[in-house]
C-alpha atoms as a PDB file:
ATOM      1  CA  MET A   1      -3.424 -22.493  95.294  1.00  0.00           C
ATOM      2  CA  ALA A   2      -7.085 -21.556  95.830  1.00  0.00           C
ATOM      3  CA  PHE A   3      -7.398 -18.079  97.077  1.00  0.00           C
ATOM      4  CA  VAL A   4      -8.938 -17.791 100.017  1.00  0.00           C
ATOM      5  CA  ASP A   5     -11.008 -14.802 101.789  1.00  0.00           C
ATOM      6  CA  GLU A   6     -13.207 -16.081 104.110  1.00  0.00           C
ATOM      7  CA  ILE A   7     -12.600 -18.554 107.141  1.00  0.00           C
ATOM      8  CA  LYS A   8     -14.157 -19.100 110.171  1.00  0.00           C
ATOM      9  CA  VAL A   9     -11.918 -20.344 113.510  1.00  0.00           C
ATOM     10  CA  VAL A  10     -11.863 -21.034 116.761  1.00  0.00           C
ATOM     11  CA  MET A  11      -9.585 -19.374 119.353  1.00  0.00           C
ATOM     12  CA  LYS A  12      -8.543 -19.569 122.936  1.00  0.00           C
ATOM     13  CA  ALA A  13      -6.484 -17.522 124.895  1.00  0.00           C
ATOM     14  CA  GLY A  14      -4.122 -18.904 127.648  1.00  0.00           C
ATOM     15  CA  ARG A  15      -4.781 -20.062 130.989  1.00  0.00           C
ATOM     16  CA  GLY A  16      -3.581 -18.071 134.135  1.00  0.00           C
ATOM     17  CA  GLY A  17      -1.050 -20.411 135.859  1.00  0.00           C
ATOM     18  CA  ASP A  18      -1.725 -21.279 139.271  1.00  0.00           C
ATOM     19  CA  GLY A  19      -0.741 -19.837 142.295  1.00  0.00           C
ATOM     20  CA  VAL A  20       1.530 -21.669 145.135  1.00  0.00           C
ATOM     21  CA  VAL A  21       1.791 -22.656 148.476  1.00  0.00           C
ATOM     22  CA  ARG A  22       5.471 -22.800 149.430  1.00  0.00           C
ATOM     23  CA  TRP A  23       7.490 -21.817 152.604  1.00  0.00           C
ATOM     24  CA  LEU A  24      10.762 -20.013 153.400  1.00  0.00           C
ATOM     25  CA  HIS A  25      13.444 -22.717 154.728  1.00  0.00           C
ATOM     26  CA  ALA A  26      15.747 -20.842 156.885  1.00  0.00           C
ATOM     27  CA  ARG A  27      18.950 -22.053 158.047  1.00  0.00           C
ATOM     28  CA  GLY A  28      18.301 -22.226 162.366  1.00  0.00           C
ATOM     29  CA  LYS A  29      14.568 -21.605 161.736  1.00  0.00           C
ATOM     30  CA  GLU A  30      11.620 -23.618 162.179  1.00  0.00           C
ATOM     31  CA  PHE A  31       9.551 -21.679 160.007  1.00  0.00           C
ATOM     32  CA  GLY A  32      10.816 -19.086 157.848  1.00  0.00           C
ATOM     33  CA  GLY A  33       7.219 -17.601 156.420  1.00  0.00           C
ATOM     34  CA  PRO A  34       4.931 -18.151 153.395  1.00  0.00           C
ATOM     35  CA  SER A  35       6.924 -17.903 149.896  1.00  0.00           C
ATOM     36  CA  GLY A  36       4.315 -19.203 147.394  1.00  0.00           C
ATOM     37  CA  GLY A  37       4.676 -17.163 144.222  1.00  0.00           C
ATOM     38  CA  ASP A  38       1.888 -15.577 141.948  1.00  0.00           C
ATOM     39  CA  GLY A  39       1.205 -17.662 138.601  1.00  0.00           C
ATOM     40  CA  GLY A  40       2.037 -15.963 135.299  1.00  0.00           C
ATOM     41  CA  ARG A  41      -0.586 -14.486 132.873  1.00  0.00           C
ATOM     42  CA  GLY A  42      -1.957 -16.755 129.779  1.00  0.00           C
ATOM     43  CA  GLY A  43      -1.193 -15.189 126.542  1.00  0.00           C
ATOM     44  CA  SER A  44      -3.612 -13.018 124.850  1.00  0.00           C
ATOM     45  CA  ILE A  45      -4.907 -13.332 121.118  1.00  0.00           C
ATOM     46  CA  TYR A  46      -4.000 -10.680 118.443  1.00  0.00           C
ATOM     47  CA  ALA A  47      -4.764  -9.764 115.089  1.00  0.00           C
ATOM     48  CA  ARG A  48      -2.058  -7.757 112.876  1.00  0.00           C
ATOM     49  CA  GLY A  49      -3.339  -6.218 109.514  1.00  0.00           C
ATOM     50  CA  VAL A  50      -0.196  -7.232 107.023  1.00  0.00           C
ATOM     51  CA  ARG A  51      -0.153  -6.182 102.859  1.00  0.00           C
ATOM     52  CA  ASN A  52      -0.750  -9.362 101.290  1.00  0.00           C
ATOM     53  CA  LEU A  53      -3.755 -10.651 100.161  1.00  0.00           C
ATOM     54  CA  ASN A  54      -3.182 -14.220 100.449  1.00  0.00           C
ATOM     55  CA  LEU A  55      -2.438 -14.589 103.878  1.00  0.00           C
ATOM     56  CA  LEU A  56      -5.429 -16.454 104.611  1.00  0.00           C
ATOM     57  CA  THR A  57      -4.540 -19.280 102.820  1.00  0.00           C
ATOM     58  CA  ARG A  58      -2.347 -20.428 105.261  1.00  0.00           C
ATOM     59  CA  TYR A  59      -5.267 -20.674 108.073  1.00  0.00           C
ATOM     60  CA  GLN A  60      -7.231 -22.715 105.618  1.00  0.00           C
ATOM     61  CA  TYR A  61      -6.824 -26.171 107.068  1.00  0.00           C
ATOM     62  CA  LYS A  62      -5.801 -25.207 110.657  1.00  0.00           C
ATOM     63  CA  LYS A  63      -9.375 -24.582 112.243  1.00  0.00           C
ATOM     64  CA  LYS A  64      -8.017 -23.825 116.273  1.00  0.00           C
ATOM     65  CA  PHE A  65      -5.852 -21.457 117.578  1.00  0.00           C
ATOM     66  CA  THR A  66      -4.561 -21.313 121.413  1.00  0.00           C
ATOM     67  CA  ALA A  67      -2.284 -19.083 123.055  1.00  0.00           C
ATOM     68  CA  GLN A  68       0.466 -20.502 125.427  1.00  0.00           C
ATOM     69  CA  ASP A  69      -0.896 -20.882 129.236  1.00  0.00           C
ATOM     70  CA  GLY A  70       0.958 -18.993 132.026  1.00  0.00           C
ATOM     71  CA  ASP A  71       3.283 -21.032 134.133  1.00  0.00           C
ATOM     72  CA  ALA A  72       2.694 -21.737 138.004  1.00  0.00           C
ATOM     73  CA  GLY A  73       4.518 -19.515 140.925  1.00  0.00           C
ATOM     74  CA  ALA A  74       7.446 -21.169 142.386  1.00  0.00           C
ATOM     75  CA  ALA A  75       8.988 -20.927 145.808  1.00  0.00           C
ATOM     76  CA  LYS A  76      11.270 -17.757 147.117  1.00  0.00           C
ATOM     77  CA  SER A  77       8.241 -16.030 145.676  1.00  0.00           C
ATOM     78  CA  MET A  78       9.079 -16.469 142.336  1.00  0.00           C
ATOM     79  CA  HIS A  79       6.503 -15.411 139.863  1.00  0.00           C
ATOM     80  CA  GLY A  80       5.363 -17.863 137.061  1.00  0.00           C
ATOM     81  CA  LYS A  81       6.654 -16.895 133.709  1.00  0.00           C
ATOM     82  CA  ASP A  82       3.736 -15.290 131.799  1.00  0.00           C
ATOM     83  CA  GLY A  83       2.740 -17.175 128.382  1.00  0.00           C
ATOM     84  CA  GLU A  84       3.449 -16.336 124.941  1.00  0.00           C
ATOM     85  CA  ASP A  85       1.116 -14.199 123.033  1.00  0.00           C
ATOM     86  CA  LEU A  86      -0.462 -15.245 119.807  1.00  0.00           C
ATOM     87  CA  THR A  87      -0.391 -13.056 117.158  1.00  0.00           C
ATOM     88  CA  LEU A  88      -2.322 -13.743 113.660  1.00  0.00           C
ATOM     89  CA  ASP A  89      -1.542 -11.693 110.403  1.00  0.00           C
ATOM     90  CA  VAL A  90      -4.268 -11.318 108.513  1.00  0.00           C
ATOM     91  CA  PRO A  91      -4.516  -8.918 104.940  1.00  0.00           C
ATOM     92  CA  VAL A  92      -5.036  -5.069 105.208  1.00  0.00           C
ATOM     93  CA  GLY A  93      -9.190  -4.735 104.862  1.00  0.00           C
ATOM     94  CA  THR A  94     -10.254  -7.951 107.006  1.00  0.00           C
ATOM     95  CA  ILE A  95     -12.995  -7.944 109.629  1.00  0.00           C
ATOM     96  CA  VAL A  96     -12.792  -9.940 112.841  1.00  0.00           C
ATOM     97  CA  ARG A  97     -16.214 -11.041 114.213  1.00  0.00           C
ATOM     98  CA  ASN A  98     -16.889 -12.650 117.421  1.00  0.00           C
ATOM     99  CA  LEU A  99     -19.900 -15.185 116.301  1.00  0.00           C
ATOM    100  CA  GLU A 100     -20.776 -15.574 120.317  1.00  0.00           C
ATOM    101  CA  THR A 101     -20.574 -11.626 121.198  1.00  0.00           C
ATOM    102  CA  GLY A 102     -21.164 -10.301 117.473  1.00  0.00           C
ATOM    103  CA  LYS A 103     -18.235  -7.538 118.328  1.00  0.00           C
ATOM    104  CA  SER A 104     -16.177  -6.997 115.403  1.00  0.00           C
ATOM    105  CA  HIS A 105     -12.728  -5.260 114.573  1.00  0.00           C
ATOM    106  CA  GLN A 106     -11.515  -4.128 111.307  1.00  0.00           C
ATOM    107  CA  LEU A 107      -7.873  -3.814 110.452  1.00  0.00           C
ATOM    108  CA  LEU A 108      -7.545  -0.945 107.983  1.00  0.00           C
ATOM    109  CA  LEU A 109      -4.308  -0.517 108.116  1.00  0.00           C
ATOM    110  CA  GLU A 110      -0.819  -1.859 107.727  1.00  0.00           C
ATOM    111  CA  GLY A 111       0.429  -3.107 111.111  1.00  0.00           C
ATOM    112  CA  GLU A 112      -2.370  -2.467 112.835  1.00  0.00           C
ATOM    113  CA  THR A 113      -2.914  -4.852 116.211  1.00  0.00           C
ATOM    114  CA  ILE A 114      -6.209  -5.591 117.946  1.00  0.00           C
ATOM    115  CA  MET A 115      -6.853  -8.036 120.794  1.00  0.00           C
ATOM    116  CA  LEU A 116      -9.109 -10.388 119.858  1.00  0.00           C
ATOM    117  CA  LEU A 117      -9.068 -12.392 123.302  1.00  0.00           C
ATOM    118  CA  SER A 118      -7.110 -11.712 126.809  1.00  0.00           C
ATOM    119  CA  GLY A 119      -5.057 -14.338 128.472  1.00  0.00           C
ATOM    120  CA  GLY A 120      -6.373 -15.502 131.949  1.00  0.00           C
ATOM    121  CA  LYS A 121      -5.147 -13.870 135.118  1.00  0.00           C
ATOM    122  CA  GLY A 122      -2.063 -15.532 136.799  1.00  0.00           C
ATOM    123  CA  GLY A 123      -3.360 -17.128 140.334  1.00  0.00           C
ATOM    124  CA  ARG A 124      -2.184 -15.875 143.751  1.00  0.00           C
ATOM    125  CA  GLY A 125       0.499 -17.782 145.786  1.00  0.00           C
ATOM    126  CA  ASN A 126       0.144 -17.737 149.463  1.00  0.00           C
ATOM    127  CA  GLU A 127       2.899 -15.129 150.259  1.00  0.00           C
ATOM    128  CA  SER A 128      -0.043 -12.827 148.804  1.00  0.00           C
ATOM    129  CA  PHE A 129      -2.500 -13.701 151.450  1.00  0.00           C
ATOM    130  CA  LYS A 130      -0.229 -13.499 154.280  1.00  0.00           C
ATOM    131  CA  SER A 131      -1.294 -10.592 157.085  1.00  0.00           C
ATOM    132  CA  SER A 132      -0.408  -9.318 160.572  1.00  0.00           C
ATOM    133  CA  ARG A 133      -3.467 -11.867 161.515  1.00  0.00           C
ATOM    134  CA  ASN A 134      -2.542 -14.768 159.156  1.00  0.00           C
ATOM    135  CA  VAL A 135       1.306 -14.950 159.128  1.00  0.00           C
ATOM    136  CA  ALA A 136       1.041 -18.573 158.105  1.00  0.00           C
ATOM    137  CA  PRO A 137      -1.810 -18.273 155.215  1.00  0.00           C
ATOM    138  CA  ILE A 138      -2.045 -22.005 153.326  1.00  0.00           C
ATOM    139  CA  GLU A 139      -5.008 -20.010 150.702  1.00  0.00           C
ATOM    140  CA  ARG A 140      -3.622 -19.755 146.992  1.00  0.00           C
ATOM    141  CA  THR A 141      -6.023 -19.796 143.846  1.00  0.00           C
ATOM    142  CA  PRO A 142      -5.597 -21.348 140.747  1.00  0.00           C
ATOM    143  CA  GLY A 143      -5.443 -19.128 137.504  1.00  0.00           C
ATOM    144  CA  GLU A 144      -8.132 -18.143 135.303  1.00  0.00           C
ATOM    145  CA  GLU A 145      -9.242 -19.718 132.274  1.00  0.00           C
ATOM    146  CA  GLY A 146      -8.424 -17.398 128.883  1.00  0.00           C
ATOM    147  CA  GLU A 147     -11.180 -16.139 126.812  1.00  0.00           C
ATOM    148  CA  GLU A 148     -12.194 -18.070 123.800  1.00  0.00           C
ATOM    149  CA  GLY A 149     -14.630 -18.159 121.031  1.00  0.00           C
ATOM    150  CA  ASN A 150     -15.402 -19.002 117.580  1.00  0.00           C
ATOM    151  CA  PHE A 151     -14.467 -16.457 115.064  1.00  0.00           C
ATOM    152  CA  LEU A 152     -15.142 -15.343 111.082  1.00  0.00           C
ATOM    153  CA  ILE A 153     -12.410 -13.572 109.435  1.00  0.00           C
ATOM    154  CA  GLU A 154     -13.499 -12.180 106.215  1.00  0.00           C
ATOM    155  CA  LEU A 155     -11.341  -9.733 103.779  1.00  0.00           C
ATOM    156  CA  GLN A 156     -13.176  -7.177 102.198  1.00  0.00           C
ATOM    157  CA  LEU A 157     -10.747  -5.313  99.926  1.00  0.00           C
ATOM    158  CA  ILE A 158      -9.809  -1.641 100.347  1.00  0.00           C
ATOM    159  CA  ALA A 159      -9.048  -0.208  97.038  1.00  0.00           C
ATOM    160  CA  ASP A 160      -9.219   3.439  95.248  1.00  0.00           C
ATOM    161  CA  ALA A 161     -10.740   1.752  92.186  1.00  0.00           C
ATOM    162  CA  GLY A 162     -11.983  -1.490  91.256  1.00  0.00           C
ATOM    163  CA  PHE A 163     -12.687  -2.989  87.650  1.00  0.00           C
ATOM    164  CA  VAL A 164     -15.753  -4.925  87.463  1.00  0.00           C
ATOM    165  CA  GLY A 165     -17.394  -6.365  84.751  1.00  0.00           C
ATOM    166  CA  LEU A 166     -18.308  -9.679  82.646  1.00  0.00           C
ATOM    167  CA  PRO A 167     -15.845 -12.062  81.777  1.00  0.00           C
ATOM    168  CA  ASN A 168     -13.092 -11.357  79.308  1.00  0.00           C
ATOM    169  CA  ALA A 169     -14.234  -7.623  79.754  1.00  0.00           C
ATOM    170  CA  GLY A 170     -10.399  -6.521  79.773  1.00  0.00           C
ATOM    171  CA  LYS A 171      -9.968  -6.007  83.048  1.00  0.00           C
ATOM    172  CA  SER A 172      -6.756  -8.137  84.264  1.00  0.00           C
ATOM    173  CA  SER A 173      -5.118  -6.341  81.064  1.00  0.00           C
ATOM    174  CA  LEU A 174      -5.917  -2.980  81.562  1.00  0.00           C
ATOM    175  CA  LEU A 175      -4.605  -3.215  85.526  1.00  0.00           C
ATOM    176  CA  ASN A 176      -1.619  -4.779  83.697  1.00  0.00           C
ATOM    177  CA  VAL A 177      -0.862  -2.234  81.599  1.00  0.00           C
ATOM    178  CA  LEU A 178      -1.709   0.796  84.054  1.00  0.00           C
ATOM    179  CA  THR A 179       0.018  -0.469  86.976  1.00  0.00           C
ATOM    180  CA  ARG A 180       2.565  -3.157  85.809  1.00  0.00           C
ATOM    181  CA  ALA A 181       0.817  -5.745  87.873  1.00  0.00           C
ATOM    182  CA  GLN A 182       1.076  -9.112  86.925  1.00  0.00           C
ATOM    183  CA  ALA A 183      -2.461 -10.300  86.787  1.00  0.00           C
ATOM    184  CA  LYS A 184      -2.998 -13.536  84.852  1.00  0.00           C
ATOM    185  CA  VAL A 185      -5.109 -13.019  81.523  1.00  0.00           C
ATOM    186  CA  GLY A 186      -6.382 -15.425  78.843  1.00  0.00           C
ATOM    187  CA  SER A 187      -9.192 -16.080  76.370  1.00  0.00           C
ATOM    188  CA  TYR A 188     -11.429 -17.924  78.187  1.00  0.00           C
ATOM    189  CA  ALA A 189     -14.065 -17.182  81.079  1.00  0.00           C
ATOM    190  CA  PHE A 190     -12.791 -16.582  84.676  1.00  0.00           C
ATOM    191  CA  THR A 191      -9.361 -16.371  83.971  1.00  0.00           C
ATOM    192  CA  THR A 192      -8.905 -14.341  87.064  1.00  0.00           C
ATOM    193  CA  LEU A 193      -9.754 -16.555  90.073  1.00  0.00           C
ATOM    194  CA  TYR A 194      -8.832 -14.078  93.112  1.00  0.00           C
ATOM    195  CA  PRO A 195      -8.710 -10.324  93.376  1.00  0.00           C
ATOM    196  CA  ASN A 196      -5.438  -8.693  91.806  1.00  0.00           C
ATOM    197  CA  LEU A 197      -3.961  -5.181  93.108  1.00  0.00           C
ATOM    198  CA  GLY A 198      -1.713  -3.048  91.314  1.00  0.00           C
ATOM    199  CA  ASP A 199      -0.333   0.695  92.268  1.00  0.00           C
ATOM    200  CA  LEU A 200      -0.983   3.464  90.255  1.00  0.00           C
ATOM    201  CA  TYR A 201       1.112   6.620  91.553  1.00  0.00           C
ATOM    202  CA  GLY A 202       0.061   5.478  95.007  1.00  0.00           C
ATOM    203  CA  PHE A 203      -3.547   4.453  94.210  1.00  0.00           C
ATOM    204  CA  ILE A 204      -4.459   0.904  94.554  1.00  0.00           C
ATOM    205  CA  LEU A 205      -6.163  -0.521  91.639  1.00  0.00           C
ATOM    206  CA  ALA A 206      -8.355  -4.090  92.227  1.00  0.00           C
ATOM    207  CA  ASP A 207      -9.116  -6.050  89.195  1.00  0.00           C
ATOM    208  CA  ILE A 208     -12.597  -8.308  91.023  1.00  0.00           C
ATOM    209  CA  PRO A 209     -13.239 -10.920  89.217  1.00  0.00           C
ATOM    210  CA  GLY A 210     -15.903 -11.336  86.354  1.00  0.00           C
ATOM    211  CA  LEU A 211     -19.367 -10.794  87.115  1.00  0.00           C
ATOM    212  CA  ILE A 212     -21.912 -12.593  86.049  1.00  0.00           C
ATOM    213  CA  GLU A 213     -26.132 -12.137  85.474  1.00  0.00           C
ATOM    214  CA  GLY A 214     -27.143 -13.833  88.432  1.00  0.00           C
ATOM    215  CA  ALA A 215     -24.001 -13.446  90.341  1.00  0.00           C
ATOM    216  CA  SER A 216     -25.492 -11.544  93.423  1.00  0.00           C
ATOM    217  CA  ALA A 217     -27.918 -15.007  94.069  1.00  0.00           C
ATOM    218  CA  GLY A 218     -24.760 -17.060  94.200  1.00  0.00           C
ATOM    219  CA  LYS A 219     -24.083 -18.132  90.269  1.00  0.00           C
ATOM    220  CA  GLY A 220     -20.750 -17.963  89.003  1.00  0.00           C
ATOM    221  CA  LEU A 221     -17.509 -16.617  90.845  1.00  0.00           C
ATOM    222  CA  GLY A 222     -18.659 -13.019  91.288  1.00  0.00           C
ATOM    223  CA  PHE A 223     -20.997 -13.499  94.294  1.00  0.00           C
ATOM    224  CA  SER A 224     -17.626 -14.390  96.336  1.00  0.00           C
ATOM    225  CA  PHE A 225     -16.062 -11.198  95.147  1.00  0.00           C
ATOM    226  CA  LEU A 226     -19.231  -8.653  95.170  1.00  0.00           C
ATOM    227  CA  ARG A 227     -18.170  -7.897  98.824  1.00  0.00           C
ATOM    228  CA  HIS A 228     -14.539  -6.346  97.682  1.00  0.00           C
ATOM    229  CA  VAL A 229     -16.254  -3.764  95.592  1.00  0.00           C
ATOM    230  CA  ARG A 230     -18.044  -2.471  99.210  1.00  0.00           C
ATOM    231  CA  ARG A 231     -14.685  -0.886  99.847  1.00  0.00           C
ATOM    232  CA  THR A 232     -14.086   0.478  95.917  1.00  0.00           C
ATOM    233  CA  ASN A 233     -14.458   3.844  96.609  1.00  0.00           C
ATOM    234  CA  LEU A 234     -14.583   4.423  92.302  1.00  0.00           C
ATOM    235  CA  ILE A 235     -16.111   1.491  89.916  1.00  0.00           C
ATOM    236  CA  LEU A 236     -14.413   1.409  86.260  1.00  0.00           C
ATOM    237  CA  HIS A 237     -16.829  -0.590  84.827  1.00  0.00           C
ATOM    238  CA  CYS A 238     -15.367  -2.444  81.654  1.00  0.00           C
ATOM    239  CA  VAL A 239     -17.516  -3.646  78.679  1.00  0.00           C
ATOM    240  CA  SER A 240     -16.362  -5.360  75.626  1.00  0.00           C
ATOM    241  CA  LEU A 241     -16.490  -3.497  72.506  1.00  0.00           C
ATOM    242  CA  GLU A 242     -17.232  -7.480  71.269  1.00  0.00           C
ATOM    243  CA  ASN A 243     -20.513  -7.424  72.609  1.00  0.00           C
ATOM    244  CA  GLU A 244     -22.889  -6.898  70.153  1.00  0.00           C
ATOM    245  CA  ASP A 245     -25.487  -5.368  72.964  1.00  0.00           C
ATOM    246  CA  ILE A 246     -23.410  -2.834  75.020  1.00  0.00           C
ATOM    247  CA  LEU A 247     -25.796  -1.037  76.907  1.00  0.00           C
ATOM    248  CA  GLY A 248     -27.570  -4.617  78.079  1.00  0.00           C
ATOM    249  CA  THR A 249     -24.224  -5.975  78.924  1.00  0.00           C
ATOM    250  CA  TYR A 250     -23.539  -2.580  81.016  1.00  0.00           C
ATOM    251  CA  LYS A 251     -27.138  -3.232  82.352  1.00  0.00           C
ATOM    252  CA  THR A 252     -26.412  -6.498  83.758  1.00  0.00           C
ATOM    253  CA  ILE A 253     -23.572  -5.795  86.189  1.00  0.00           C
ATOM    254  CA  ARG A 254     -25.306  -2.834  86.979  1.00  0.00           C
ATOM    255  CA  ASN A 255     -28.472  -4.952  88.200  1.00  0.00           C
ATOM    256  CA  GLU A 256     -26.443  -7.095  90.282  1.00  0.00           C
ATOM    257  CA  LEU A 257     -24.645  -4.223  91.907  1.00  0.00           C
ATOM    258  CA  SER A 258     -28.015  -2.751  92.516  1.00  0.00           C
ATOM    259  CA  VAL A 259     -28.938  -6.169  93.312  1.00  0.00           C
ATOM    260  CA  TYR A 260     -26.912  -6.977  96.289  1.00  0.00           C
ATOM    261  CA  GLY A 261     -26.819  -3.808  97.670  1.00  0.00           C
ATOM    262  CA  ALA A 262     -24.587  -2.151 100.216  1.00  0.00           C
ATOM    263  CA  GLY A 263     -24.308   1.024  98.426  1.00  0.00           C
ATOM    264  CA  LEU A 264     -22.596  -0.408  95.395  1.00  0.00           C
ATOM    265  CA  SER A 265     -25.157   1.304  92.779  1.00  0.00           C
ATOM    266  CA  GLU A 266     -24.664   4.257  94.413  1.00  0.00           C
ATOM    267  CA  LYS A 267     -20.776   4.469  94.160  1.00  0.00           C
ATOM    268  CA  PRO A 268     -18.836   6.962  91.209  1.00  0.00           C
ATOM    269  CA  GLU A 269     -18.022   5.166  88.089  1.00  0.00           C
ATOM    270  CA  ILE A 270     -16.363   5.542  84.596  1.00  0.00           C
ATOM    271  CA  ILE A 271     -17.150   3.569  81.928  1.00  0.00           C
ATOM    272  CA  LEU A 272     -14.686   2.167  79.743  1.00  0.00           C
ATOM    273  CA  LEU A 273     -15.342   0.720  76.089  1.00  0.00           C
ATOM    274  CA  THR A 274     -12.683  -1.805  75.930  1.00  0.00           C
ATOM    275  CA  LYS A 275     -10.905  -3.898  73.393  1.00  0.00           C
ATOM    276  CA  SER A 276     -11.430  -1.318  70.841  1.00  0.00           C
ATOM    277  CA  ASP A 277      -8.553  -2.848  68.603  1.00  0.00           C
ATOM    278  CA  LEU A 278     -11.290  -5.497  67.745  1.00  0.00           C
ATOM    279  CA  VAL A 279     -14.036  -3.692  66.560  1.00  0.00           C
ATOM    280  CA  SER A 280     -14.620  -0.761  63.376  1.00  0.00           C
ATOM    281  CA  ALA A 281     -14.543   2.751  63.960  1.00  0.00           C
ATOM    282  CA  SER A 282     -18.069   2.968  62.986  1.00  0.00           C
ATOM    283  CA  VAL A 283     -18.807   0.329  66.095  1.00  0.00           C
ATOM    284  CA  VAL A 284     -16.810   2.296  68.656  1.00  0.00           C
ATOM    285  CA  ASP A 285     -18.639   5.584  67.361  1.00  0.00           C
ATOM    286  CA  LYS A 286     -22.166   4.133  68.085  1.00  0.00           C
ATOM    287  CA  ALA A 287     -21.224   2.477  71.232  1.00  0.00           C
ATOM    288  CA  ARG A 288     -19.642   6.001  72.452  1.00  0.00           C
ATOM    289  CA  GLU A 289     -22.717   7.274  71.447  1.00  0.00           C
ATOM    290  CA  ILE A 290     -24.950   5.197  73.613  1.00  0.00           C
ATOM    291  CA  MET A 291     -23.172   5.123  76.654  1.00  0.00           C
ATOM    292  CA  ALA A 292     -22.708   8.777  76.517  1.00  0.00           C
ATOM    293  CA  LYS A 293     -26.226   9.068  77.644  1.00  0.00           C
ATOM    294  CA  VAL A 294     -25.140   7.103  80.741  1.00  0.00           C
ATOM    295  CA  SER A 295     -22.736   8.766  82.214  1.00  0.00           C
ATOM    296  CA  ALA A 296     -20.230  11.909  81.564  1.00  0.00           C
ATOM    297  CA  HIS A 297     -17.588   9.361  82.153  1.00  0.00           C
ATOM    298  CA  VAL A 298     -16.869   7.279  79.221  1.00  0.00           C
ATOM    299  CA  PHE A 299     -13.336   6.348  77.724  1.00  0.00           C
ATOM    300  CA  VAL A 300     -12.404   3.976  74.857  1.00  0.00           C
ATOM    301  CA  VAL A 301      -9.581   1.948  75.630  1.00  0.00           C
ATOM    302  CA  SER A 302      -7.542  -0.433  73.868  1.00  0.00           C
ATOM    303  CA  ILE A 303      -4.182  -1.803  75.684  1.00  0.00           C
ATOM    304  CA  TYR A 304      -2.890  -1.874  72.113  1.00  0.00           C
ATOM    305  CA  ASP A 305      -3.237   1.704  71.985  1.00  0.00           C
ATOM    306  CA  ARG A 306      -0.864   3.258  74.188  1.00  0.00           C
ATOM    307  CA  ASP A 307      -2.342   6.869  73.388  1.00  0.00           C
ATOM    308  CA  SER A 308      -6.027   5.560  74.442  1.00  0.00           C
ATOM    309  CA  THR A 309      -4.999   3.988  78.175  1.00  0.00           C
ATOM    310  CA  LYS A 310      -2.392   7.070  78.482  1.00  0.00           C
ATOM    311  CA  LEU A 311      -5.823   9.411  78.081  1.00  0.00           C
ATOM    312  CA  PHE A 312      -7.562   7.423  80.557  1.00  0.00           C
ATOM    313  CA  GLN A 313      -4.804   6.824  83.282  1.00  0.00           C
ATOM    314  CA  ASP A 314      -4.123  10.745  83.461  1.00  0.00           C
ATOM    315  CA  ALA A 315      -7.921  11.114  83.579  1.00  0.00           C
ATOM    316  CA  LEU A 316      -8.052   8.594  86.598  1.00  0.00           C
ATOM    317  CA  VAL A 317      -5.325   9.921  88.299  1.00  0.00           C
ATOM    318  CA  SER A 318      -6.741  13.362  88.086  1.00  0.00           C
ATOM    319  CA  PHE A 319     -10.568  12.246  89.286  1.00  0.00           C
ATOM    320  CA  LEU A 320      -8.908   9.997  92.419  1.00  0.00           C
ATOM    321  CA  ARG A 321      -6.623  13.197  93.254  1.00  0.00           C
ATOM    322  CA  LYS A 322      -9.721  15.310  93.342  1.00  0.00           C
ATOM    323  CA  LYS A 323     -11.346  12.620  96.096  1.00  0.00           C
ATOM    324  CA  GLU A 324      -8.491  12.861  98.256  1.00  0.00           C
END
């Protein structure tokens, strides 16, 4: 099933029920007075944040959402039943934007609920028009239409740290080792087709699908996922030691972050030289020397070297705790 992180939908809140004209029929009385009840309110539409990245997939083929209408009023002053509200569950980190008004809502917490559209008010029955001067009103009002609009629902991940890098840089494997996540891994490009999350002592780590040169211009898969780096507090930049030009490989991704903008290139960064088990010690030493001139935070890791991953894990947790 494809990962869905953006959809456009049409939503309409429920219409209010109509007010009605009704009369009391009391035994022995020709006229018992007005008794038409008010209509019920139409259902409103809400969005609720839930910790499930794949929630938008369920809305992939449904493009219109409508809340229930309110019922009309009834005799004996009975108020019409209110329409049921409609709540759309969306992943935490979702932005819901009304394309007509430009108003947007961010759902950043699990269980957070916001109203997107208000249901229409119910109409007034003839009993509500009764007065000393109008003892037999025949007035009533229809229910109001509920609000409606076109919406863009867009997921932007919220993570304490996110792995970025070219395809096959070892991001998913590291996430699995550090957090016991179950991200898919393989020896071919674009193994990761959607972001994976893992928990490291309460900190959320995200494996952002592989970027390539030109990702910020729409090439490859990366453009679809650059948005997810925007809410990542710390970048974990993975560069495979298999690359002959370590510095050039690093600069390729840095350039894509810079071109995309949105402050991505200004986020704090840790450089990870991955797959050290596949190269010689001299290659490792040379790469470390080169990247030390770029950043003071450089780690050499291999998923098959527990000491290297433990050293990085401890440093990462310490770094993230200082940022709290």
